[in-house]
Amino acid sequence: MGARAKATLQCGILLGALALAGCASFTQLSPGMSSRQVGALVGAPTQVWKDADGSEVWEYPLGPFGVETYMVSFGPDRTVRQVRQVLTEETITTLRVGMSRDDVRRLLGKPREIGNIDRTNEEVWSWRYREWGVRNMELHVQFDRGSGTLKAYSRIQEQISGSDKRS
């Protein structure tokens, strides 16, 4: 095995181990746990969504190469109500034309990347996810830049680049 192949393999193993470590932590969360316990187990969230009733949702994207984003919902008493992995077919199918950027962000979490298409005046947000827990997919959500509302979304299977294909 060449040095480059060996380094690539080692990097892949390390990334896989880190991904599994992150996933394992979220399985330890359960309703009734305190926000302090959650912070100790999985760390600080990327985003905190606060509601008028005192409840909160903490966002944990496992990206940019990960295929999961967890949302941990807390009641006004700061105990866990629900833990959800939101990059799923079930959640994606709730996307609707006309939704705001904030609505989509709160539904799916932080996108992997954000780009612009000048000729159509669109902003495109992208996520990776695993369809039915098996197939790696890409989700692209297109917003009208002027109004900030969702115009369309598409899902495509991730393609393996030519250099990664095996004969």
Foldseek 3Di string as FASTA:
>chain_A
DDPVVVVVVVVVVVLVVVVVQQVVLLVPADFFAALVVNCVRRNAAPDWAADPQQKIWGWHDPDPPDAWIWIFIAHNVRTTDDIDTQSEPVLVVVDDWFAAPVVVCVRHNAFSDWDADVVQQWIKGKHWHAYVNHFIKMKIWIARNVVRTTDDMDIDGDDDDPVRDDD
